[in-house]
């Protein structure tokens, strides 16, 4: 049997995307009703589980506090109480307050005006806010603002490294550039080729206002790819003892035929 020809990193990214979309279909990310809910989720989701974030978002929603006006006017102690379940709640409260102050200062308190700004300029501005790093900034841009930008997380890095698409030393922006270049002309595949087979614990999000928002095909492809990486990373490509034999990507691993 001839050894399989090694494919380029770009081709590997496209192969992963096609394999997963055909296996599982649309992921309906981000599960939120408003852009601010996406932004708050991105900030609260740092260094914690999504379950903890959901509890914090539910508390904010119940208190009518998922608006710029509410976050702006709420006393710090009250906001801390509402987001306590997300962990590091004092830091995250300050980051929520800082984000609202940023929107007030630069965009007259309007998220619509903010997201109308050019992607690279807005990304640079978001990164200037204390506590907002590259992953959070890109999640805000893609999921809340529908900008054409890919979100790199630990799952994406792990999967791409194990499939020999990146080196272990690859920087965040190098990984982002690879995925964006590979999928820039990739139309989103909205229909699985067969009935999807999901692992028992895989989280299936229902369509939401934000997941169904109008966006370009490129932004949609980046959206789907990030959600698919998360599913693979959580349920197959584990940090310890990966379950390669059950993974839809098993035949794409180096050395597999």
C-alpha atoms as a PDB file:
ATOM      1  CA  UNK A   1       0.000   0.000   0.000  1.00  0.00           C
ATOM      2  CA  UNK A   2       1.378   3.385  -0.941  1.00  0.00           C
ATOM      3  CA  UNK A   3       1.812   5.840   1.949  1.00  0.00           C
ATOM      4  CA  UNK A   4      -0.698   8.630   1.827  1.00  0.00           C
ATOM      5  CA  UNK A   5       0.735  11.841   0.443  1.00  0.00           C
ATOM      6  CA  UNK A   6       1.203  14.491   3.113  1.00  0.00           C
ATOM      7  CA  UNK A   7      -1.226  17.348   2.635  1.00  0.00           C
ATOM      8  CA  UNK A   8      -0.613  21.032   3.256  1.00  0.00           C
ATOM      9  CA  UNK A   9      -1.814  22.734   6.457  1.00  0.00           C
ATOM     10  CA  UNK A  10      -4.449  24.651   4.455  1.00  0.00           C
ATOM     11  CA  UNK A  11      -5.754  21.447   2.909  1.00  0.00           C
ATOM     12  CA  UNK A  12      -5.851  19.772   6.330  1.00  0.00           C
ATOM     13  CA  UNK A  13      -7.965  22.609   7.756  1.00  0.00           C
ATOM     14  CA  UNK A  14     -10.408  22.299   4.872  1.00  0.00           C
ATOM     15  CA  UNK A  15     -10.520  18.509   5.237  1.00  0.00           C
ATOM     16  CA  UNK A  16     -11.275  18.819   8.958  1.00  0.00           C
ATOM     17  CA  UNK A  17     -14.009  21.358   8.265  1.00  0.00           C
ATOM     18  CA  UNK A  18     -15.690  19.241   5.602  1.00  0.00           C
ATOM     19  CA  UNK A  19     -15.449  16.022   7.586  1.00  0.00           C
ATOM     20  CA  UNK A  20     -17.027  17.562  10.692  1.00  0.00           C
ATOM     21  CA  UNK A  21     -19.754  19.564   8.975  1.00  0.00           C
ATOM     22  CA  UNK A  22     -20.833  16.490   7.045  1.00  0.00           C
ATOM     23  CA  UNK A  23     -20.839  14.431  10.236  1.00  0.00           C
ATOM     24  CA  UNK A  24     -22.600  16.891  12.554  1.00  0.00           C
ATOM     25  CA  UNK A  25     -24.137  19.749  10.590  1.00  0.00           C
ATOM     26  CA  UNK A  26     -24.638  23.315  11.913  1.00  0.00           C
ATOM     27  CA  UNK A  27     -23.571  24.022  15.484  1.00  0.00           C
ATOM     28  CA  UNK A  28     -25.777  27.108  16.117  1.00  0.00           C
ATOM     29  CA  UNK A  29     -23.110  29.156  17.840  1.00  0.00           C
ATOM     30  CA  UNK A  30     -23.312  31.462  19.770  1.00  0.00           C
ATOM     31  CA  UNK A  31     -26.358  30.480  21.920  1.00  0.00           C
ATOM     32  CA  UNK A  32     -27.522  33.985  22.890  1.00  0.00           C
ATOM     33  CA  UNK A  33     -30.371  36.389  22.271  1.00  0.00           C
ATOM     34  CA  UNK A  34     -28.411  39.660  22.069  1.00  0.00           C
ATOM     35  CA  UNK A  35     -24.954  40.884  21.127  1.00  0.00           C
ATOM     36  CA  UNK A  36     -24.362  42.032  24.695  1.00  0.00           C
ATOM     37  CA  UNK A  37     -25.163  38.550  25.993  1.00  0.00           C
ATOM     38  CA  UNK A  38     -22.437  37.190  23.689  1.00  0.00           C
ATOM     39  CA  UNK A  39     -19.996  39.829  24.923  1.00  0.00           C
ATOM     40  CA  UNK A  40     -20.820  39.194  28.576  1.00  0.00           C
ATOM     41  CA  UNK A  41     -20.475  35.458  27.982  1.00  0.00           C
ATOM     42  CA  UNK A  42     -17.067  35.957  26.410  1.00  0.00           C
ATOM     43  CA  UNK A  43     -15.831  38.003  29.361  1.00  0.00           C
ATOM     44  CA  UNK A  44     -17.380  35.773  32.023  1.00  0.00           C
ATOM     45  CA  UNK A  45     -16.170  32.617  30.278  1.00  0.00           C
ATOM     46  CA  UNK A  46     -12.505  33.267  30.951  1.00  0.00           C
ATOM     47  CA  UNK A  47     -10.926  30.543  33.140  1.00  0.00           C
ATOM     48  CA  UNK A  48     -14.172  28.765  33.965  1.00  0.00           C
ATOM     49  CA  UNK A  49     -16.657  26.243  32.588  1.00  0.00           C
ATOM     50  CA  UNK A  50     -19.555  27.239  30.380  1.00  0.00           C
ATOM     51  CA  UNK A  51     -21.968  25.849  32.980  1.00  0.00           C
ATOM     52  CA  UNK A  52     -20.744  28.480  35.439  1.00  0.00           C
ATOM     53  CA  UNK A  53     -21.142  31.163  32.783  1.00  0.00           C
ATOM     54  CA  UNK A  54     -24.721  30.081  32.099  1.00  0.00           C
ATOM     55  CA  UNK A  55     -25.566  30.469  35.787  1.00  0.00           C
ATOM     56  CA  UNK A  56     -24.098  33.979  35.812  1.00  0.00           C
ATOM     57  CA  UNK A  57     -25.911  34.963  32.609  1.00  0.00           C
ATOM     58  CA  UNK A  58     -29.182  33.622  34.021  1.00  0.00           C
ATOM     59  CA  UNK A  59     -28.693  35.782  37.121  1.00  0.00           C
ATOM     60  CA  UNK A  60     -28.007  38.854  35.000  1.00  0.00           C
ATOM     61  CA  UNK A  61     -31.032  38.115  32.821  1.00  0.00           C
ATOM     62  CA  UNK A  62     -33.350  37.616  35.805  1.00  0.00           C
ATOM     63  CA  UNK A  63     -32.175  40.936  37.266  1.00  0.00           C
ATOM     64  CA  UNK A  64     -32.730  42.750  33.954  1.00  0.00           C
ATOM     65  CA  UNK A  65     -29.006  43.463  33.902  1.00  0.00           C
ATOM     66  CA  UNK A  66     -28.057  42.316  30.401  1.00  0.00           C
ATOM     67  CA  UNK A  67     -28.066  45.824  28.968  1.00  0.00           C
ATOM     68  CA  UNK A  68     -25.397  48.489  28.708  1.00  0.00           C
ATOM     69  CA  UNK A  69     -27.497  50.831  30.862  1.00  0.00           C
ATOM     70  CA  UNK A  70     -27.865  48.252  33.616  1.00  0.00           C
ATOM     71  CA  UNK A  71     -24.188  47.294  33.722  1.00  0.00           C
ATOM     72  CA  UNK A  72     -23.273  50.970  33.698  1.00  0.00           C
ATOM     73  CA  UNK A  73     -25.588  51.906  36.569  1.00  0.00           C
ATOM     74  CA  UNK A  74     -25.449  48.833  38.804  1.00  0.00           C
ATOM     75  CA  UNK A  75     -23.326  49.206  41.949  1.00  0.00           C
ATOM     76  CA  UNK A  76     -20.161  47.137  41.758  1.00  0.00           C
ATOM     77  CA  UNK A  77     -21.176  45.010  44.748  1.00  0.00           C
ATOM     78  CA  UNK A  78     -24.509  44.128  43.148  1.00  0.00           C
ATOM     79  CA  UNK A  79     -22.914  43.221  39.812  1.00  0.00           C
ATOM     80  CA  UNK A  80     -20.332  41.090  41.619  1.00  0.00           C
ATOM     81  CA  UNK A  81     -23.128  39.192  43.320  1.00  0.00           C
ATOM     82  CA  UNK A  82     -24.854  38.506  40.003  1.00  0.00           C
ATOM     83  CA  UNK A  83     -21.742  37.137  38.270  1.00  0.00           C
ATOM     84  CA  UNK A  84     -20.246  35.374  41.294  1.00  0.00           C
ATOM     85  CA  UNK A  85     -20.822  31.886  39.869  1.00  0.00           C
ATOM     86  CA  UNK A  86     -18.445  32.596  36.969  1.00  0.00           C
ATOM     87  CA  UNK A  87     -15.406  32.718  39.263  1.00  0.00           C
ATOM     88  CA  UNK A  88     -12.915  35.583  39.558  1.00  0.00           C
ATOM     89  CA  UNK A  89     -16.072  37.628  39.869  1.00  0.00           C
ATOM     90  CA  UNK A  90     -14.413  40.823  41.075  1.00  0.00           C
ATOM     91  CA  UNK A  91     -12.083  40.922  38.076  1.00  0.00           C
ATOM     92  CA  UNK A  92     -14.873  40.055  35.677  1.00  0.00           C
ATOM     93  CA  UNK A  93     -17.145  42.717  37.143  1.00  0.00           C
ATOM     94  CA  UNK A  94     -14.454  45.310  36.455  1.00  0.00           C
ATOM     95  CA  UNK A  95     -14.027  44.000  32.919  1.00  0.00           C
ATOM     96  CA  UNK A  96     -17.752  44.330  32.252  1.00  0.00           C
ATOM     97  CA  UNK A  97     -17.675  47.874  33.608  1.00  0.00           C
ATOM     98  CA  UNK A  98     -14.567  48.682  31.558  1.00  0.00           C
ATOM     99  CA  UNK A  99     -16.172  47.365  28.385  1.00  0.00           C
ATOM    100  CA  UNK A 100     -19.254  49.554  28.848  1.00  0.00           C
ATOM    101  CA  UNK A 101     -17.033  52.566  29.564  1.00  0.00           C
ATOM    102  CA  UNK A 102     -15.146  51.823  26.339  1.00  0.00           C
ATOM    103  CA  UNK A 103     -18.361  51.722  24.286  1.00  0.00           C
ATOM    104  CA  UNK A 104     -19.507  54.974  25.905  1.00  0.00           C
ATOM    105  CA  UNK A 105     -16.223  56.733  25.220  1.00  0.00           C
ATOM    106  CA  UNK A 106     -15.547  55.571  21.679  1.00  0.00           C
ATOM    107  CA  UNK A 107     -18.978  54.741  20.241  1.00  0.00           C
ATOM    108  CA  UNK A 108     -21.489  56.901  22.140  1.00  0.00           C
ATOM    109  CA  UNK A 109     -22.843  53.892  24.001  1.00  0.00           C
ATOM    110  CA  UNK A 110     -23.873  52.102  20.801  1.00  0.00           C
ATOM    111  CA  UNK A 111     -22.889  48.515  20.002  1.00  0.00           C
ATOM    112  CA  UNK A 112     -24.199  49.042  16.471  1.00  0.00           C
ATOM    113  CA  UNK A 113     -21.733  51.877  15.909  1.00  0.00           C
ATOM    114  CA  UNK A 114     -18.957  49.828  17.475  1.00  0.00           C
ATOM    115  CA  UNK A 115     -19.479  46.833  15.215  1.00  0.00           C
ATOM    116  CA  UNK A 116     -19.638  49.088  12.146  1.00  0.00           C
ATOM    117  CA  UNK A 117     -15.949  49.902  12.707  1.00  0.00           C
ATOM    118  CA  UNK A 118     -13.315  48.147  10.551  1.00  0.00           C
ATOM    119  CA  UNK A 119     -12.325  44.774  11.973  1.00  0.00           C
ATOM    120  CA  UNK A 120      -8.626  45.403  12.599  1.00  0.00           C
ATOM    121  CA  UNK A 121      -9.207  48.807  14.167  1.00  0.00           C
ATOM    122  CA  UNK A 122     -11.910  47.489  16.485  1.00  0.00           C
ATOM    123  CA  UNK A 123      -9.818  44.448  17.376  1.00  0.00           C
ATOM    124  CA  UNK A 124      -6.929  46.692  18.386  1.00  0.00           C
ATOM    125  CA  UNK A 125      -9.269  48.798  20.515  1.00  0.00           C
ATOM    126  CA  UNK A 126     -10.783  45.759  22.235  1.00  0.00           C
ATOM    127  CA  UNK A 127      -7.306  44.432  23.039  1.00  0.00           C
ATOM    128  CA  UNK A 128      -6.549  47.727  24.769  1.00  0.00           C
ATOM    129  CA  UNK A 129      -9.259  47.003  27.376  1.00  0.00           C
ATOM    130  CA  UNK A 130      -7.722  45.467  30.463  1.00  0.00           C
ATOM    131  CA  UNK A 131      -8.577  41.779  30.738  1.00  0.00           C
ATOM    132  CA  UNK A 132      -9.644  41.276  27.110  1.00  0.00           C
ATOM    133  CA  UNK A 133      -7.160  39.072  25.277  1.00  0.00           C
ATOM    134  CA  UNK A 134      -7.054  37.834  21.719  1.00  0.00           C
ATOM    135  CA  UNK A 135      -9.491  34.950  22.107  1.00  0.00           C
ATOM    136  CA  UNK A 136     -12.117  37.085  23.882  1.00  0.00           C
ATOM    137  CA  UNK A 137     -11.699  39.972  21.431  1.00  0.00           C
ATOM    138  CA  UNK A 138     -12.098  37.669  18.444  1.00  0.00           C
ATOM    139  CA  UNK A 139     -15.139  35.947  19.992  1.00  0.00           C
ATOM    140  CA  UNK A 140     -16.765  39.361  20.431  1.00  0.00           C
ATOM    141  CA  UNK A 141     -15.973  40.298  16.836  1.00  0.00           C
ATOM    142  CA  UNK A 142     -17.154  37.026  15.290  1.00  0.00           C
ATOM    143  CA  UNK A 143     -20.110  36.030  17.422  1.00  0.00           C
ATOM    144  CA  UNK A 144     -21.497  39.383  18.515  1.00  0.00           C
ATOM    145  CA  UNK A 145     -20.466  41.502  15.536  1.00  0.00           C
ATOM    146  CA  UNK A 146     -20.391  38.938  12.694  1.00  0.00           C
ATOM    147  CA  UNK A 147     -16.955  40.105  11.594  1.00  0.00           C
ATOM    148  CA  UNK A 148     -14.867  37.788   9.421  1.00  0.00           C
ATOM    149  CA  UNK A 149     -12.363  36.586  12.016  1.00  0.00           C
ATOM    150  CA  UNK A 150     -11.547  33.165  13.455  1.00  0.00           C
ATOM    151  CA  UNK A 151     -11.392  32.444  17.192  1.00  0.00           C
ATOM    152  CA  UNK A 152      -8.406  30.352  18.273  1.00  0.00           C
ATOM    153  CA  UNK A 153      -8.797  28.424  21.515  1.00  0.00           C
ATOM    154  CA  UNK A 154      -6.971  25.545  23.220  1.00  0.00           C
ATOM    155  CA  UNK A 155      -9.129  22.986  21.383  1.00  0.00           C
ATOM    156  CA  UNK A 156      -8.266  24.363  17.939  1.00  0.00           C
ATOM    157  CA  UNK A 157      -4.564  24.467  18.800  1.00  0.00           C
ATOM    158  CA  UNK A 158      -4.575  20.893  20.134  1.00  0.00           C
ATOM    159  CA  UNK A 159      -6.457  19.407  17.168  1.00  0.00           C
ATOM    160  CA  UNK A 160      -4.401  21.215  14.533  1.00  0.00           C
ATOM    161  CA  UNK A 161      -1.149  20.277  16.236  1.00  0.00           C
ATOM    162  CA  UNK A 162      -2.091  16.597  16.469  1.00  0.00           C
ATOM    163  CA  UNK A 163      -3.015  16.632  12.792  1.00  0.00           C
ATOM    164  CA  UNK A 164       0.368  18.176  11.907  1.00  0.00           C
ATOM    165  CA  UNK A 165      -1.165  21.383  10.558  1.00  0.00           C
ATOM    166  CA  UNK A 166       0.780  23.585  13.009  1.00  0.00           C
ATOM    167  CA  UNK A 167       3.954  23.403  15.047  1.00  0.00           C
ATOM    168  CA  UNK A 168       3.770  23.300  18.864  1.00  0.00           C
ATOM    169  CA  UNK A 169       5.362  26.762  18.909  1.00  0.00           C
ATOM    170  CA  UNK A 170       2.766  28.339  16.602  1.00  0.00           C
ATOM    171  CA  UNK A 171       1.535  31.713  17.818  1.00  0.00           C
ATOM    172  CA  UNK A 172      -2.114  32.699  18.127  1.00  0.00           C
ATOM    173  CA  UNK A 173      -2.074  34.949  15.063  1.00  0.00           C
ATOM    174  CA  UNK A 174      -0.310  32.299  12.972  1.00  0.00           C
ATOM    175  CA  UNK A 175      -3.059  29.788  13.737  1.00  0.00           C
ATOM    176  CA  UNK A 176      -5.767  32.354  13.077  1.00  0.00           C
ATOM    177  CA  UNK A 177      -4.190  33.299   9.738  1.00  0.00           C
ATOM    178  CA  UNK A 178      -3.983  29.626   8.717  1.00  0.00           C
ATOM    179  CA  UNK A 179      -7.655  28.887   9.376  1.00  0.00           C
ATOM    180  CA  UNK A 180      -8.828  32.151   7.833  1.00  0.00           C
ATOM    181  CA  UNK A 181      -6.759  31.584   4.699  1.00  0.00           C
ATOM    182  CA  UNK A 182      -7.917  27.966   4.379  1.00  0.00           C
ATOM    183  CA  UNK A 183     -11.620  28.734   4.790  1.00  0.00           C
ATOM    184  CA  UNK A 184     -11.880  32.159   3.176  1.00  0.00           C
ATOM    185  CA  UNK A 185     -13.548  30.757   0.055  1.00  0.00           C
ATOM    186  CA  UNK A 186     -15.239  27.862   1.821  1.00  0.00           C
ATOM    187  CA  UNK A 187     -19.014  27.994   1.683  1.00  0.00           C
ATOM    188  CA  UNK A 188     -20.633  26.769   4.917  1.00  0.00           C
ATOM    189  CA  UNK A 189     -22.044  23.266   4.608  1.00  0.00           C
ATOM    190  CA  UNK A 190     -25.451  23.483   6.265  1.00  0.00           C
ATOM    191  CA  UNK A 191     -26.555  19.892   5.725  1.00  0.00           C
ATOM    192  CA  UNK A 192     -24.894  16.749   7.060  1.00  0.00           C
ATOM    193  CA  UNK A 193     -24.491  14.025   4.431  1.00  0.00           C
ATOM    194  CA  UNK A 194     -26.050  11.448   6.733  1.00  0.00           C
ATOM    195  CA  UNK A 195     -27.925  11.379  10.007  1.00  0.00           C
ATOM    196  CA  UNK A 196     -25.534  12.953  12.546  1.00  0.00           C
ATOM    197  CA  UNK A 197     -24.037  10.599  15.130  1.00  0.00           C
ATOM    198  CA  UNK A 198     -23.261  12.427  18.355  1.00  0.00           C
ATOM    199  CA  UNK A 199     -21.442  11.209  21.456  1.00  0.00           C
ATOM    200  CA  UNK A 200     -23.780  11.003  24.460  1.00  0.00           C
ATOM    201  CA  UNK A 201     -22.498  14.144  26.177  1.00  0.00           C
ATOM    202  CA  UNK A 202     -22.216  16.360  23.107  1.00  0.00           C
ATOM    203  CA  UNK A 203     -24.066  19.633  23.662  1.00  0.00           C
ATOM    204  CA  UNK A 204     -26.491  20.441  20.869  1.00  0.00           C
ATOM    205  CA  UNK A 205     -27.489  24.082  20.887  1.00  0.00           C
ATOM    206  CA  UNK A 206     -30.829  25.110  19.473  1.00  0.00           C
ATOM    207  CA  UNK A 207     -30.821  28.025  17.003  1.00  0.00           C
ATOM    208  CA  UNK A 208     -30.833  31.387  18.774  1.00  0.00           C
ATOM    209  CA  UNK A 209     -31.227  34.997  17.664  1.00  0.00           C
ATOM    210  CA  UNK A 210     -27.455  35.419  17.525  1.00  0.00           C
ATOM    211  CA  UNK A 211     -26.613  32.043  15.977  1.00  0.00           C
ATOM    212  CA  UNK A 212     -29.138  32.723  13.210  1.00  0.00           C
ATOM    213  CA  UNK A 213     -27.975  36.289  12.592  1.00  0.00           C
ATOM    214  CA  UNK A 214     -27.215  37.304   9.026  1.00  0.00           C
ATOM    215  CA  UNK A 215     -23.489  37.072   8.252  1.00  0.00           C
ATOM    216  CA  UNK A 216     -21.235  36.524   5.268  1.00  0.00           C
ATOM    217  CA  UNK A 217     -20.468  32.957   4.125  1.00  0.00           C
ATOM    218  CA  UNK A 218     -16.883  33.435   5.292  1.00  0.00           C
ATOM    219  CA  UNK A 219     -17.932  34.555   8.782  1.00  0.00           C
ATOM    220  CA  UNK A 220     -20.352  31.618   8.934  1.00  0.00           C
ATOM    221  CA  UNK A 221     -17.593  29.169   8.009  1.00  0.00           C
ATOM    222  CA  UNK A 222     -15.346  30.575  10.761  1.00  0.00           C
ATOM    223  CA  UNK A 223     -18.291  30.399  13.158  1.00  0.00           C
ATOM    224  CA  UNK A 224     -18.981  26.749  12.356  1.00  0.00           C
ATOM    225  CA  UNK A 225     -15.322  25.743  12.449  1.00  0.00           C
ATOM    226  CA  UNK A 226     -14.813  27.127  15.943  1.00  0.00           C
ATOM    227  CA  UNK A 227     -17.918  25.371  17.255  1.00  0.00           C
ATOM    228  CA  UNK A 228     -16.845  22.098  15.654  1.00  0.00           C
ATOM    229  CA  UNK A 229     -13.352  22.329  17.152  1.00  0.00           C
ATOM    230  CA  UNK A 230     -14.921  22.767  20.594  1.00  0.00           C
ATOM    231  CA  UNK A 231     -17.058  19.659  20.155  1.00  0.00           C
ATOM    232  CA  UNK A 232     -14.099  17.535  19.028  1.00  0.00           C
ATOM    233  CA  UNK A 233     -11.863  18.890  21.776  1.00  0.00           C
ATOM    234  CA  UNK A 234     -14.380  18.244  24.526  1.00  0.00           C
ATOM    235  CA  UNK A 235     -15.448  14.764  23.483  1.00  0.00           C
ATOM    236  CA  UNK A 236     -12.649  13.165  21.447  1.00  0.00           C
ATOM    237  CA  UNK A 237      -9.379  15.086  21.245  1.00  0.00           C
ATOM    238  CA  UNK A 238      -8.889  15.164  25.001  1.00  0.00           C
ATOM    239  CA  UNK A 239      -5.761  16.626  26.541  1.00  0.00           C
ATOM    240  CA  UNK A 240      -5.064  13.302  28.227  1.00  0.00           C
ATOM    241  CA  UNK A 241      -5.966   9.947  26.630  1.00  0.00           C
ATOM    242  CA  UNK A 242      -7.602  11.169  23.392  1.00  0.00           C
ATOM    243  CA  UNK A 243     -10.332   8.951  21.963  1.00  0.00           C
ATOM    244  CA  UNK A 244      -8.954   8.831  18.428  1.00  0.00           C
ATOM    245  CA  UNK A 245     -10.653   5.599  17.373  1.00  0.00           C
ATOM    246  CA  UNK A 246     -14.140   7.047  17.830  1.00  0.00           C
ATOM    247  CA  UNK A 247     -13.298  10.499  16.460  1.00  0.00           C
ATOM    248  CA  UNK A 248     -14.669  11.524  13.047  1.00  0.00           C
ATOM    249  CA  UNK A 249     -11.192  12.881  12.241  1.00  0.00           C
ATOM    250  CA  UNK A 250      -9.313   9.622  12.907  1.00  0.00           C
ATOM    251  CA  UNK A 251      -8.467   8.995   9.226  1.00  0.00           C
ATOM    252  CA  UNK A 252      -6.897  12.441   8.941  1.00  0.00           C
ATOM    253  CA  UNK A 253      -4.298  11.749  11.617  1.00  0.00           C
ATOM    254  CA  UNK A 254      -0.695  11.487  10.356  1.00  0.00           C
ATOM    255  CA  UNK A 255       0.137   7.894   9.487  1.00  0.00           C
ATOM    256  CA  UNK A 256      -3.499   6.812   9.094  1.00  0.00           C
ATOM    257  CA  UNK A 257      -4.775   5.508   5.787  1.00  0.00           C
END
